N, C-alpha and C. Protein backbone atom coordinates (compact mmCIF):
# COMPACT_ATOMS: atom_id res chain seq x y z
N MET A 1 137.86 84.18 138.30
CA MET A 1 138.30 85.57 138.11
C MET A 1 138.06 85.97 136.66
N LYS A 2 137.35 87.06 136.45
CA LYS A 2 137.03 87.50 135.10
C LYS A 2 138.25 88.14 134.45
N ASN A 3 138.35 87.99 133.12
CA ASN A 3 139.43 88.62 132.38
C ASN A 3 139.25 90.13 132.39
N MET A 4 140.36 90.85 132.50
CA MET A 4 140.30 92.29 132.43
C MET A 4 141.63 92.80 131.89
N THR A 5 141.57 93.98 131.31
CA THR A 5 142.78 94.62 130.83
C THR A 5 143.47 95.30 132.00
N ALA A 6 144.74 94.99 132.21
CA ALA A 6 145.47 95.64 133.29
C ALA A 6 145.52 97.14 133.02
N ILE A 7 145.21 97.93 134.04
CA ILE A 7 145.25 99.38 133.88
C ILE A 7 146.69 99.82 134.05
N PRO A 8 147.35 100.24 132.95
CA PRO A 8 148.78 100.49 133.01
C PRO A 8 149.13 101.77 133.73
N SER A 9 150.17 101.72 134.51
CA SER A 9 150.76 102.93 135.07
C SER A 9 151.85 103.37 134.12
N SER A 10 152.60 104.37 134.51
CA SER A 10 153.73 104.78 133.68
C SER A 10 154.79 103.70 133.71
N PRO A 11 155.50 103.47 132.62
CA PRO A 11 156.51 102.43 132.61
C PRO A 11 157.65 102.75 133.58
N THR A 12 158.16 101.68 134.23
CA THR A 12 159.27 101.87 135.16
C THR A 12 160.49 102.36 134.40
N ARG A 13 161.19 103.30 134.99
CA ARG A 13 162.35 103.87 134.34
C ARG A 13 163.46 104.02 135.37
N GLY A 14 164.67 103.69 134.99
CA GLY A 14 165.78 103.86 135.90
C GLY A 14 165.80 102.80 136.98
N PRO A 15 166.51 103.06 138.07
CA PRO A 15 166.63 102.07 139.15
C PRO A 15 165.29 101.80 139.81
N ALA A 16 165.12 100.55 140.23
CA ALA A 16 163.83 100.16 140.83
C ALA A 16 163.78 100.60 142.29
N ASP A 17 163.88 101.89 142.50
CA ASP A 17 163.83 102.45 143.85
C ASP A 17 162.40 102.92 144.10
N HIS A 18 161.57 102.00 144.59
CA HIS A 18 160.14 102.30 144.71
C HIS A 18 159.87 103.42 145.70
N ALA A 19 160.68 103.55 146.73
CA ALA A 19 160.46 104.60 147.73
C ALA A 19 160.58 105.97 147.08
N VAL A 20 161.54 106.14 146.22
CA VAL A 20 161.71 107.43 145.55
C VAL A 20 160.57 107.68 144.58
N ARG A 21 160.18 106.65 143.83
CA ARG A 21 159.05 106.80 142.91
C ARG A 21 157.80 107.24 143.65
N GLU A 22 157.52 106.58 144.79
CA GLU A 22 156.33 106.94 145.57
C GLU A 22 156.45 108.35 146.14
N GLN A 23 157.67 108.75 146.50
CA GLN A 23 157.88 110.11 147.00
C GLN A 23 157.57 111.14 145.93
N ILE A 24 158.00 110.85 144.71
CA ILE A 24 157.72 111.76 143.60
C ILE A 24 156.22 111.82 143.32
N ILE A 25 155.56 110.66 143.32
CA ILE A 25 154.12 110.61 143.05
C ILE A 25 153.35 111.38 144.12
N ALA A 26 153.74 111.19 145.39
CA ALA A 26 153.03 111.87 146.48
C ALA A 26 153.21 113.38 146.39
N ALA A 27 154.44 113.82 146.13
CA ALA A 27 154.70 115.26 146.01
C ALA A 27 153.97 115.85 144.81
N ALA A 28 153.95 115.08 143.71
CA ALA A 28 153.25 115.56 142.52
C ALA A 28 151.76 115.71 142.79
N GLY A 29 151.19 114.75 143.51
CA GLY A 29 149.77 114.83 143.83
C GLY A 29 149.44 116.09 144.61
N GLU A 30 150.27 116.42 145.59
CA GLU A 30 150.04 117.63 146.38
C GLU A 30 150.17 118.88 145.51
N HIS A 31 151.19 118.89 144.64
CA HIS A 31 151.40 120.07 143.79
C HIS A 31 150.26 120.23 142.79
N PHE A 32 149.82 119.12 142.20
CA PHE A 32 148.70 119.18 141.26
C PHE A 32 147.45 119.72 141.96
N GLN A 33 147.26 119.32 143.23
CA GLN A 33 146.07 119.74 143.96
C GLN A 33 146.07 121.25 144.18
N HIS A 34 147.23 121.82 144.43
CA HIS A 34 147.31 123.26 144.71
C HIS A 34 147.33 124.10 143.44
N TYR A 35 148.03 123.61 142.40
CA TYR A 35 148.26 124.44 141.23
C TYR A 35 147.64 123.90 139.95
N GLY A 36 147.13 122.68 139.99
CA GLY A 36 146.54 122.09 138.80
C GLY A 36 147.57 121.36 137.97
N TYR A 37 147.10 120.33 137.29
CA TYR A 37 148.00 119.52 136.47
C TYR A 37 148.59 120.33 135.32
N ALA A 38 147.76 121.08 134.64
CA ALA A 38 148.20 121.79 133.43
C ALA A 38 149.27 122.84 133.74
N LYS A 39 149.20 123.47 134.91
CA LYS A 39 150.12 124.56 135.23
C LYS A 39 151.40 124.08 135.90
N THR A 40 151.49 122.81 136.19
CA THR A 40 152.66 122.26 136.87
C THR A 40 153.68 121.74 135.86
N THR A 41 154.94 122.01 136.11
CA THR A 41 156.01 121.49 135.26
C THR A 41 156.88 120.55 136.08
N VAL A 42 157.70 119.77 135.40
CA VAL A 42 158.64 118.88 136.10
C VAL A 42 159.62 119.71 136.92
N SER A 43 159.98 120.87 136.44
CA SER A 43 160.87 121.76 137.20
C SER A 43 160.23 122.19 138.52
N ASP A 44 158.92 122.47 138.48
CA ASP A 44 158.19 122.82 139.70
C ASP A 44 158.27 121.67 140.72
N LEU A 45 158.05 120.46 140.23
CA LEU A 45 158.08 119.30 141.12
C LEU A 45 159.48 119.09 141.69
N ALA A 46 160.47 119.28 140.86
CA ALA A 46 161.85 119.10 141.32
C ALA A 46 162.18 120.09 142.45
N ARG A 47 161.74 121.34 142.30
CA ARG A 47 162.00 122.34 143.34
C ARG A 47 161.28 121.97 144.62
N GLN A 48 160.03 121.49 144.50
CA GLN A 48 159.25 121.16 145.69
C GLN A 48 159.85 119.99 146.45
N ILE A 49 160.31 118.98 145.72
CA ILE A 49 160.83 117.78 146.36
C ILE A 49 162.27 117.97 146.83
N GLY A 50 162.99 118.86 146.15
CA GLY A 50 164.39 119.04 146.48
C GLY A 50 165.31 118.16 145.67
N PHE A 51 164.76 117.60 144.57
CA PHE A 51 165.56 116.81 143.64
C PHE A 51 165.90 117.67 142.43
N SER A 52 166.88 117.24 141.68
CA SER A 52 167.12 117.88 140.40
C SER A 52 166.10 117.33 139.39
N LYS A 53 165.84 118.13 138.36
CA LYS A 53 164.92 117.67 137.32
C LYS A 53 165.47 116.41 136.65
N ALA A 54 166.77 116.36 136.47
CA ALA A 54 167.39 115.18 135.85
C ALA A 54 167.16 113.93 136.68
N TYR A 55 167.14 114.09 138.00
CA TYR A 55 166.94 112.93 138.87
C TYR A 55 165.51 112.41 138.74
N ILE A 56 164.55 113.31 138.63
CA ILE A 56 163.16 112.88 138.44
C ILE A 56 163.02 112.13 137.13
N TYR A 57 163.73 112.58 136.10
CA TYR A 57 163.66 111.91 134.80
C TYR A 57 164.29 110.52 134.83
N ARG A 58 165.01 110.18 135.89
CA ARG A 58 165.51 108.81 136.03
C ARG A 58 164.37 107.84 136.34
N PHE A 59 163.25 108.36 136.85
CA PHE A 59 162.12 107.52 137.25
C PHE A 59 160.89 107.71 136.37
N PHE A 60 160.71 108.89 135.81
CA PHE A 60 159.56 109.18 134.97
C PHE A 60 160.03 109.95 133.74
N GLU A 61 159.54 109.55 132.58
CA GLU A 61 160.02 110.18 131.36
C GLU A 61 159.37 111.53 131.09
N SER A 62 158.28 111.85 131.80
CA SER A 62 157.58 113.11 131.56
C SER A 62 156.61 113.39 132.70
N LYS A 63 156.04 114.60 132.68
CA LYS A 63 154.99 114.93 133.65
C LYS A 63 153.78 114.02 133.45
N GLN A 64 153.47 113.71 132.20
CA GLN A 64 152.34 112.83 131.92
C GLN A 64 152.55 111.47 132.56
N ALA A 65 153.77 110.96 132.54
CA ALA A 65 154.05 109.66 133.14
C ALA A 65 153.75 109.67 134.64
N ILE A 66 154.03 110.79 135.30
CA ILE A 66 153.71 110.91 136.71
C ILE A 66 152.19 110.96 136.90
N GLY A 67 151.53 111.74 136.04
CA GLY A 67 150.07 111.81 136.10
C GLY A 67 149.44 110.46 135.85
N GLU A 68 150.00 109.69 134.94
CA GLU A 68 149.45 108.36 134.64
C GLU A 68 149.58 107.44 135.83
N ALA A 69 150.67 107.55 136.57
CA ALA A 69 150.85 106.70 137.75
C ALA A 69 149.77 106.99 138.78
N ILE A 70 149.46 108.27 138.98
CA ILE A 70 148.39 108.65 139.92
C ILE A 70 147.04 108.19 139.39
N CYS A 71 146.79 108.43 138.12
CA CYS A 71 145.51 108.10 137.50
C CYS A 71 145.25 106.60 137.50
N ALA A 72 146.28 105.82 137.18
CA ALA A 72 146.12 104.36 137.10
C ALA A 72 145.68 103.78 138.44
N ASN A 73 146.28 104.25 139.53
CA ASN A 73 145.91 103.74 140.84
C ASN A 73 144.44 104.03 141.16
N CYS A 74 144.00 105.22 140.82
CA CYS A 74 142.62 105.61 141.12
C CYS A 74 141.62 104.86 140.25
N LEU A 75 141.92 104.72 138.96
CA LEU A 75 141.00 104.02 138.07
C LEU A 75 140.90 102.54 138.42
N GLU A 76 142.00 101.96 138.84
CA GLU A 76 141.97 100.55 139.24
C GLU A 76 141.07 100.37 140.46
N GLY A 77 141.18 101.28 141.43
CA GLY A 77 140.31 101.21 142.60
C GLY A 77 138.85 101.40 142.25
N LEU A 78 138.58 102.31 141.32
CA LEU A 78 137.19 102.53 140.89
C LEU A 78 136.63 101.30 140.20
N TYR A 79 137.41 100.72 139.29
CA TYR A 79 136.94 99.53 138.59
C TYR A 79 136.68 98.39 139.57
N ASP A 80 137.54 98.21 140.55
CA ASP A 80 137.38 97.12 141.51
C ASP A 80 136.04 97.24 142.26
N GLN A 81 135.64 98.47 142.57
CA GLN A 81 134.38 98.66 143.27
C GLN A 81 133.18 98.36 142.36
N VAL A 82 133.29 98.76 141.09
CA VAL A 82 132.22 98.46 140.13
C VAL A 82 132.12 96.95 139.92
N ARG A 83 133.27 96.32 139.76
CA ARG A 83 133.32 94.87 139.57
C ARG A 83 132.67 94.13 140.74
N ALA A 84 132.99 94.56 141.97
CA ALA A 84 132.43 93.93 143.16
C ALA A 84 130.92 94.10 143.23
N ALA A 85 130.43 95.29 142.87
CA ALA A 85 128.99 95.54 142.89
C ALA A 85 128.27 94.65 141.89
N VAL A 86 128.83 94.52 140.71
CA VAL A 86 128.23 93.67 139.68
C VAL A 86 128.22 92.21 140.11
N ASP A 87 129.31 91.76 140.70
CA ASP A 87 129.40 90.36 141.14
C ASP A 87 128.35 90.03 142.20
N ASP A 88 127.89 91.03 142.93
CA ASP A 88 126.87 90.81 143.96
C ASP A 88 125.45 90.79 143.39
N GLY A 89 125.31 91.09 142.11
CA GLY A 89 123.98 91.12 141.49
C GLY A 89 123.35 89.75 141.38
N GLN A 90 122.03 89.71 141.44
CA GLN A 90 121.31 88.44 141.41
C GLN A 90 121.11 87.90 140.00
N ASP A 91 120.93 88.79 139.06
CA ASP A 91 120.75 88.38 137.66
C ASP A 91 121.26 89.51 136.78
N ALA A 92 121.15 89.34 135.46
CA ALA A 92 121.72 90.32 134.54
C ALA A 92 121.07 91.70 134.70
N THR A 93 119.76 91.72 134.90
CA THR A 93 119.08 93.01 135.08
C THR A 93 119.60 93.73 136.32
N ASP A 94 119.69 93.00 137.42
CA ASP A 94 120.19 93.57 138.66
C ASP A 94 121.64 94.01 138.51
N LYS A 95 122.42 93.23 137.79
CA LYS A 95 123.84 93.56 137.60
C LYS A 95 124.00 94.84 136.78
N LEU A 96 123.17 95.02 135.76
CA LEU A 96 123.28 96.23 134.96
C LEU A 96 122.89 97.46 135.79
N ARG A 97 121.87 97.32 136.61
CA ARG A 97 121.48 98.43 137.49
C ARG A 97 122.61 98.75 138.47
N ARG A 98 123.22 97.71 139.03
CA ARG A 98 124.32 97.91 139.97
C ARG A 98 125.52 98.56 139.28
N PHE A 99 125.77 98.12 138.04
CA PHE A 99 126.87 98.71 137.28
C PHE A 99 126.68 100.22 137.16
N ALA A 100 125.53 100.63 136.65
CA ALA A 100 125.28 102.05 136.41
C ALA A 100 125.28 102.86 137.71
N LYS A 101 124.65 102.32 138.74
CA LYS A 101 124.58 103.04 140.01
C LYS A 101 125.96 103.21 140.63
N THR A 102 126.76 102.15 140.61
CA THR A 102 128.07 102.20 141.27
C THR A 102 129.07 103.04 140.50
N VAL A 103 129.11 102.88 139.17
CA VAL A 103 130.09 103.64 138.40
C VAL A 103 129.79 105.13 138.50
N THR A 104 128.52 105.49 138.64
CA THR A 104 128.15 106.90 138.79
C THR A 104 128.50 107.42 140.18
N ALA A 105 128.11 106.67 141.22
CA ALA A 105 128.31 107.12 142.59
C ALA A 105 129.79 107.19 142.96
N VAL A 106 130.50 106.13 142.66
CA VAL A 106 131.92 106.09 143.03
C VAL A 106 132.72 107.05 142.17
N GLY A 107 132.36 107.16 140.89
CA GLY A 107 133.05 108.10 140.03
C GLY A 107 132.86 109.54 140.49
N SER A 108 131.65 109.89 140.87
CA SER A 108 131.38 111.25 141.35
C SER A 108 132.21 111.56 142.59
N GLU A 109 132.24 110.62 143.50
CA GLU A 109 132.99 110.83 144.75
C GLU A 109 134.48 110.95 144.47
N LEU A 110 135.00 110.07 143.65
CA LEU A 110 136.43 110.05 143.36
C LEU A 110 136.87 111.30 142.62
N PHE A 111 136.14 111.67 141.58
CA PHE A 111 136.59 112.75 140.72
C PHE A 111 136.28 114.14 141.28
N PHE A 112 135.23 114.28 142.08
CA PHE A 112 134.80 115.61 142.43
C PHE A 112 134.98 115.97 143.90
N ARG A 113 135.30 115.00 144.74
CA ARG A 113 135.72 115.35 146.09
C ARG A 113 137.22 115.64 146.12
N ASP A 114 137.91 115.13 145.13
CA ASP A 114 139.35 115.34 145.02
C ASP A 114 139.62 115.98 143.66
N ARG A 115 139.72 117.30 143.64
CA ARG A 115 139.89 118.00 142.36
C ARG A 115 141.20 117.63 141.68
N ARG A 116 142.19 117.22 142.48
CA ARG A 116 143.45 116.77 141.89
C ARG A 116 143.20 115.59 140.96
N ILE A 117 142.39 114.63 141.41
CA ILE A 117 142.11 113.45 140.59
C ILE A 117 141.26 113.83 139.39
N TYR A 118 140.28 114.70 139.60
CA TYR A 118 139.44 115.11 138.47
C TYR A 118 140.28 115.76 137.38
N ASP A 119 141.19 116.65 137.79
CA ASP A 119 142.04 117.35 136.83
C ASP A 119 142.86 116.37 136.00
N ILE A 120 143.47 115.40 136.68
CA ILE A 120 144.28 114.41 135.97
C ILE A 120 143.40 113.51 135.11
N ALA A 121 142.26 113.08 135.67
CA ALA A 121 141.36 112.20 134.93
C ALA A 121 140.82 112.87 133.67
N SER A 122 140.59 114.16 133.74
CA SER A 122 140.11 114.89 132.58
C SER A 122 141.15 114.86 131.46
N HIS A 123 142.40 115.08 131.82
CA HIS A 123 143.45 115.00 130.82
C HIS A 123 143.57 113.58 130.29
N ALA A 124 143.47 112.61 131.18
CA ALA A 124 143.59 111.21 130.76
C ALA A 124 142.51 110.85 129.76
N SER A 125 141.28 111.30 130.02
CA SER A 125 140.17 111.01 129.13
C SER A 125 140.30 111.75 127.81
N ALA A 126 140.58 113.05 127.88
CA ALA A 126 140.65 113.86 126.67
C ALA A 126 141.82 113.46 125.77
N GLU A 127 142.94 113.09 126.39
CA GLU A 127 144.14 112.75 125.62
C GLU A 127 144.31 111.25 125.41
N LYS A 128 143.32 110.48 125.90
CA LYS A 128 143.31 109.02 125.70
C LYS A 128 144.59 108.35 126.20
N TRP A 129 144.93 108.65 127.45
CA TRP A 129 146.08 108.00 128.06
C TRP A 129 145.82 106.50 128.14
N PRO A 130 146.86 105.67 128.15
CA PRO A 130 146.67 104.22 128.24
C PRO A 130 145.82 103.80 129.43
N ALA A 131 145.98 104.44 130.59
CA ALA A 131 145.19 104.07 131.76
C ALA A 131 143.70 104.30 131.52
N ALA A 132 143.36 105.42 130.87
CA ALA A 132 141.96 105.72 130.58
C ALA A 132 141.39 104.74 129.56
N ARG A 133 142.18 104.40 128.54
CA ARG A 133 141.71 103.45 127.54
C ARG A 133 141.47 102.07 128.16
N ALA A 134 142.38 101.65 129.03
CA ALA A 134 142.23 100.34 129.67
C ALA A 134 141.01 100.32 130.58
N TYR A 135 140.77 101.42 131.29
CA TYR A 135 139.60 101.50 132.17
C TYR A 135 138.31 101.38 131.36
N ASN A 136 138.25 102.09 130.24
CA ASN A 136 137.05 102.02 129.39
C ASN A 136 136.88 100.63 128.79
N GLN A 137 137.98 99.99 128.43
CA GLN A 137 137.90 98.63 127.91
C GLN A 137 137.35 97.67 128.96
N ASN A 138 137.78 97.88 130.20
CA ASN A 138 137.28 97.02 131.28
C ASN A 138 135.79 97.23 131.54
N LEU A 139 135.34 98.47 131.48
CA LEU A 139 133.92 98.73 131.65
C LEU A 139 133.12 98.10 130.51
N HIS A 140 133.65 98.22 129.29
CA HIS A 140 133.00 97.60 128.13
C HIS A 140 132.95 96.09 128.31
N GLY A 141 134.04 95.50 128.78
CA GLY A 141 134.06 94.05 129.01
C GLY A 141 133.06 93.62 130.06
N LEU A 142 132.89 94.44 131.08
CA LEU A 142 131.94 94.12 132.13
C LEU A 142 130.50 94.18 131.60
N ILE A 143 130.21 95.16 130.78
CA ILE A 143 128.89 95.25 130.15
C ILE A 143 128.65 94.04 129.25
N GLU A 144 129.68 93.64 128.51
CA GLU A 144 129.53 92.47 127.64
C GLU A 144 129.22 91.22 128.45
N GLU A 145 129.87 91.06 129.59
CA GLU A 145 129.58 89.91 130.46
C GLU A 145 128.11 89.91 130.88
N ILE A 146 127.62 91.08 131.26
CA ILE A 146 126.24 91.19 131.73
C ILE A 146 125.27 90.86 130.59
N VAL A 147 125.54 91.40 129.40
CA VAL A 147 124.65 91.16 128.26
C VAL A 147 124.66 89.67 127.89
N ARG A 148 125.82 89.06 127.88
CA ARG A 148 125.90 87.63 127.57
C ARG A 148 125.09 86.81 128.57
N GLU A 149 125.20 87.16 129.84
CA GLU A 149 124.44 86.45 130.87
C GLU A 149 122.95 86.63 130.66
N GLY A 150 122.54 87.88 130.35
CA GLY A 150 121.12 88.14 130.14
C GLY A 150 120.57 87.41 128.93
N ARG A 151 121.37 87.28 127.89
CA ARG A 151 120.93 86.53 126.71
C ARG A 151 120.85 85.03 127.01
N ALA A 152 121.80 84.54 127.77
CA ALA A 152 121.80 83.11 128.10
C ALA A 152 120.60 82.73 128.96
N SER A 153 120.17 83.65 129.82
CA SER A 153 119.03 83.36 130.70
C SER A 153 117.69 83.66 130.04
N GLY A 154 117.72 84.32 128.87
CA GLY A 154 116.47 84.67 128.19
C GLY A 154 115.91 86.01 128.62
N ASP A 155 116.63 86.74 129.47
CA ASP A 155 116.14 88.04 129.94
C ASP A 155 116.37 89.15 128.91
N PHE A 156 117.37 88.99 128.04
CA PHE A 156 117.70 90.01 127.05
C PHE A 156 117.51 89.45 125.64
N GLU A 157 117.17 90.33 124.71
CA GLU A 157 116.98 89.92 123.31
C GLU A 157 118.32 89.51 122.69
N LYS A 158 118.21 88.69 121.63
CA LYS A 158 119.42 88.16 120.99
C LYS A 158 119.54 88.54 119.52
N LYS A 159 118.59 89.33 119.01
CA LYS A 159 118.60 89.63 117.58
C LYS A 159 119.69 90.63 117.20
N THR A 160 119.90 91.63 118.03
CA THR A 160 120.90 92.65 117.74
C THR A 160 122.30 92.06 117.93
N PRO A 161 123.23 92.33 117.02
CA PRO A 161 124.59 91.83 117.21
C PRO A 161 125.16 92.25 118.56
N LEU A 162 125.88 91.33 119.18
CA LEU A 162 126.38 91.58 120.54
C LEU A 162 127.26 92.83 120.60
N ASP A 163 128.16 92.98 119.64
CA ASP A 163 129.07 94.13 119.70
C ASP A 163 128.32 95.45 119.57
N GLU A 164 127.29 95.47 118.73
CA GLU A 164 126.48 96.68 118.57
C GLU A 164 125.73 97.00 119.87
N THR A 165 125.18 95.98 120.48
CA THR A 165 124.45 96.18 121.73
C THR A 165 125.36 96.75 122.81
N CYS A 166 126.55 96.18 122.97
CA CYS A 166 127.46 96.61 124.02
C CYS A 166 127.98 98.03 123.77
N ARG A 167 128.28 98.34 122.52
CA ARG A 167 128.72 99.70 122.20
C ARG A 167 127.62 100.71 122.52
N SER A 168 126.40 100.36 122.17
CA SER A 168 125.28 101.28 122.40
C SER A 168 125.08 101.53 123.89
N ILE A 169 125.21 100.50 124.69
CA ILE A 169 125.07 100.67 126.14
C ILE A 169 126.18 101.56 126.67
N CYS A 170 127.40 101.36 126.16
CA CYS A 170 128.52 102.21 126.58
C CYS A 170 128.26 103.67 126.22
N TYR A 171 127.72 103.90 125.02
CA TYR A 171 127.39 105.27 124.62
C TYR A 171 126.33 105.87 125.56
N ALA A 172 125.34 105.07 125.88
CA ALA A 172 124.25 105.57 126.74
C ALA A 172 124.76 105.92 128.14
N PHE A 173 125.73 105.16 128.62
CA PHE A 173 126.24 105.39 129.97
C PHE A 173 127.42 106.37 130.02
N MET A 174 127.83 106.89 128.88
CA MET A 174 128.99 107.78 128.85
C MET A 174 128.86 108.99 129.77
N PRO A 175 127.65 109.58 129.92
CA PRO A 175 127.54 110.72 130.84
C PRO A 175 127.90 110.36 132.28
N PHE A 176 127.95 109.06 132.60
CA PHE A 176 128.23 108.63 133.96
C PHE A 176 129.60 107.96 134.11
N THR A 177 130.24 107.64 133.00
CA THR A 177 131.52 106.95 133.06
C THR A 177 132.70 107.84 132.66
N ASP A 178 132.45 108.86 131.85
CA ASP A 178 133.51 109.75 131.41
C ASP A 178 133.59 110.94 132.37
N PRO A 179 134.75 111.19 132.97
CA PRO A 179 134.84 112.25 133.99
C PRO A 179 134.49 113.63 133.47
N VAL A 180 134.83 113.93 132.23
CA VAL A 180 134.53 115.25 131.68
C VAL A 180 133.02 115.44 131.53
N VAL A 181 132.35 114.41 130.99
CA VAL A 181 130.90 114.50 130.80
C VAL A 181 130.17 114.39 132.13
N LEU A 182 130.71 113.58 133.04
CA LEU A 182 130.07 113.40 134.34
C LEU A 182 129.95 114.72 135.10
N GLU A 183 130.99 115.54 135.03
CA GLU A 183 130.95 116.82 135.73
C GLU A 183 129.77 117.67 135.25
N ARG A 184 129.48 117.58 133.96
CA ARG A 184 128.39 118.37 133.39
C ARG A 184 127.03 117.76 133.69
N SER A 185 127.03 116.53 134.20
CA SER A 185 125.77 115.83 134.44
C SER A 185 125.39 115.78 135.92
N LEU A 186 126.21 116.37 136.78
CA LEU A 186 126.01 116.23 138.21
C LEU A 186 124.64 116.72 138.67
N ASP A 187 124.17 117.81 138.08
CA ASP A 187 122.88 118.34 138.52
C ASP A 187 121.70 117.49 138.05
N LEU A 188 121.97 116.51 137.19
CA LEU A 188 120.91 115.62 136.71
C LEU A 188 120.83 114.32 137.50
N LEU A 189 121.78 114.12 138.41
CA LEU A 189 121.84 112.88 139.18
C LEU A 189 121.00 112.99 140.44
N PRO A 190 120.47 111.86 140.93
CA PRO A 190 120.60 110.50 140.37
C PRO A 190 119.52 110.14 139.35
N ASP A 191 118.57 111.05 139.11
CA ASP A 191 117.45 110.71 138.23
C ASP A 191 117.90 110.28 136.84
N ALA A 192 118.85 111.00 136.27
CA ALA A 192 119.27 110.70 134.91
C ALA A 192 119.84 109.28 134.81
N GLN A 193 120.68 108.93 135.76
CA GLN A 193 121.28 107.59 135.74
C GLN A 193 120.22 106.50 135.86
N VAL A 194 119.26 106.69 136.75
CA VAL A 194 118.19 105.71 136.95
C VAL A 194 117.32 105.59 135.70
N GLU A 195 116.97 106.72 135.11
CA GLU A 195 116.09 106.70 133.94
C GLU A 195 116.79 106.13 132.71
N VAL A 196 118.07 106.48 132.52
CA VAL A 196 118.80 105.93 131.38
C VAL A 196 118.96 104.42 131.52
N THR A 197 119.23 103.97 132.74
CA THR A 197 119.35 102.52 132.97
C THR A 197 118.04 101.81 132.66
N SER A 198 116.95 102.38 133.08
CA SER A 198 115.64 101.78 132.81
C SER A 198 115.37 101.74 131.31
N LEU A 199 115.74 102.81 130.61
CA LEU A 199 115.55 102.85 129.16
C LEU A 199 116.39 101.76 128.48
N VAL A 200 117.63 101.62 128.91
CA VAL A 200 118.51 100.58 128.34
C VAL A 200 117.91 99.19 128.58
N LEU A 201 117.43 98.97 129.79
CA LEU A 201 116.86 97.65 130.10
C LEU A 201 115.61 97.36 129.27
N ARG A 202 114.79 98.39 129.03
CA ARG A 202 113.61 98.17 128.19
C ARG A 202 114.03 97.81 126.76
N SER A 203 115.10 98.43 126.29
CA SER A 203 115.57 98.13 124.93
C SER A 203 116.14 96.72 124.83
N LEU A 204 116.55 96.15 125.95
CA LEU A 204 117.14 94.81 125.95
C LEU A 204 116.10 93.71 126.12
N ALA A 205 114.87 94.10 126.41
CA ALA A 205 113.82 93.10 126.66
C ALA A 205 113.59 92.25 125.40
N PRO A 206 113.38 90.93 125.58
CA PRO A 206 113.16 90.07 124.41
C PRO A 206 111.80 90.31 123.78
């Protein structure tokens, strides 16, 4: 099992009544979908659920904490699919292609078929929520694994410092991994993702 940063949800607060927490998260998801994350307040959620605002604060310290709980679950599922695709790769070159293809395809489906998730993910990315930072760290770690494997097999060059190489690849793939930038890149897919991946692989050639 490869090391990864746990994608944090909002910290548990108050009594460990998971049924109520899940009820709040589910109701918040529906409200965000209809009215948007930015326009929703904790008071709005309290009215919809039939709880007092004070009762909701027993489980979540803020609206952001509720959004983080929703976001963390989605990002963890996205990362798991990217991880599985990479693990099925035959070599480092194949794994990098699978990484780029999967993170783009699954990210597009997750963020743009469900506007509720896109709205929350946009805030998470722009405001650097812990869940978004952990997700990006995991993607960076996955790229580092691939580069290390490619260098060990002789498929990738070894002159450039490893950290510089991995950061550069992350920068190159940002239009496909960051939800805000991905939305602006949709009309360029899938050609852009394929061409950028090919360019990255040529730069890694020994």
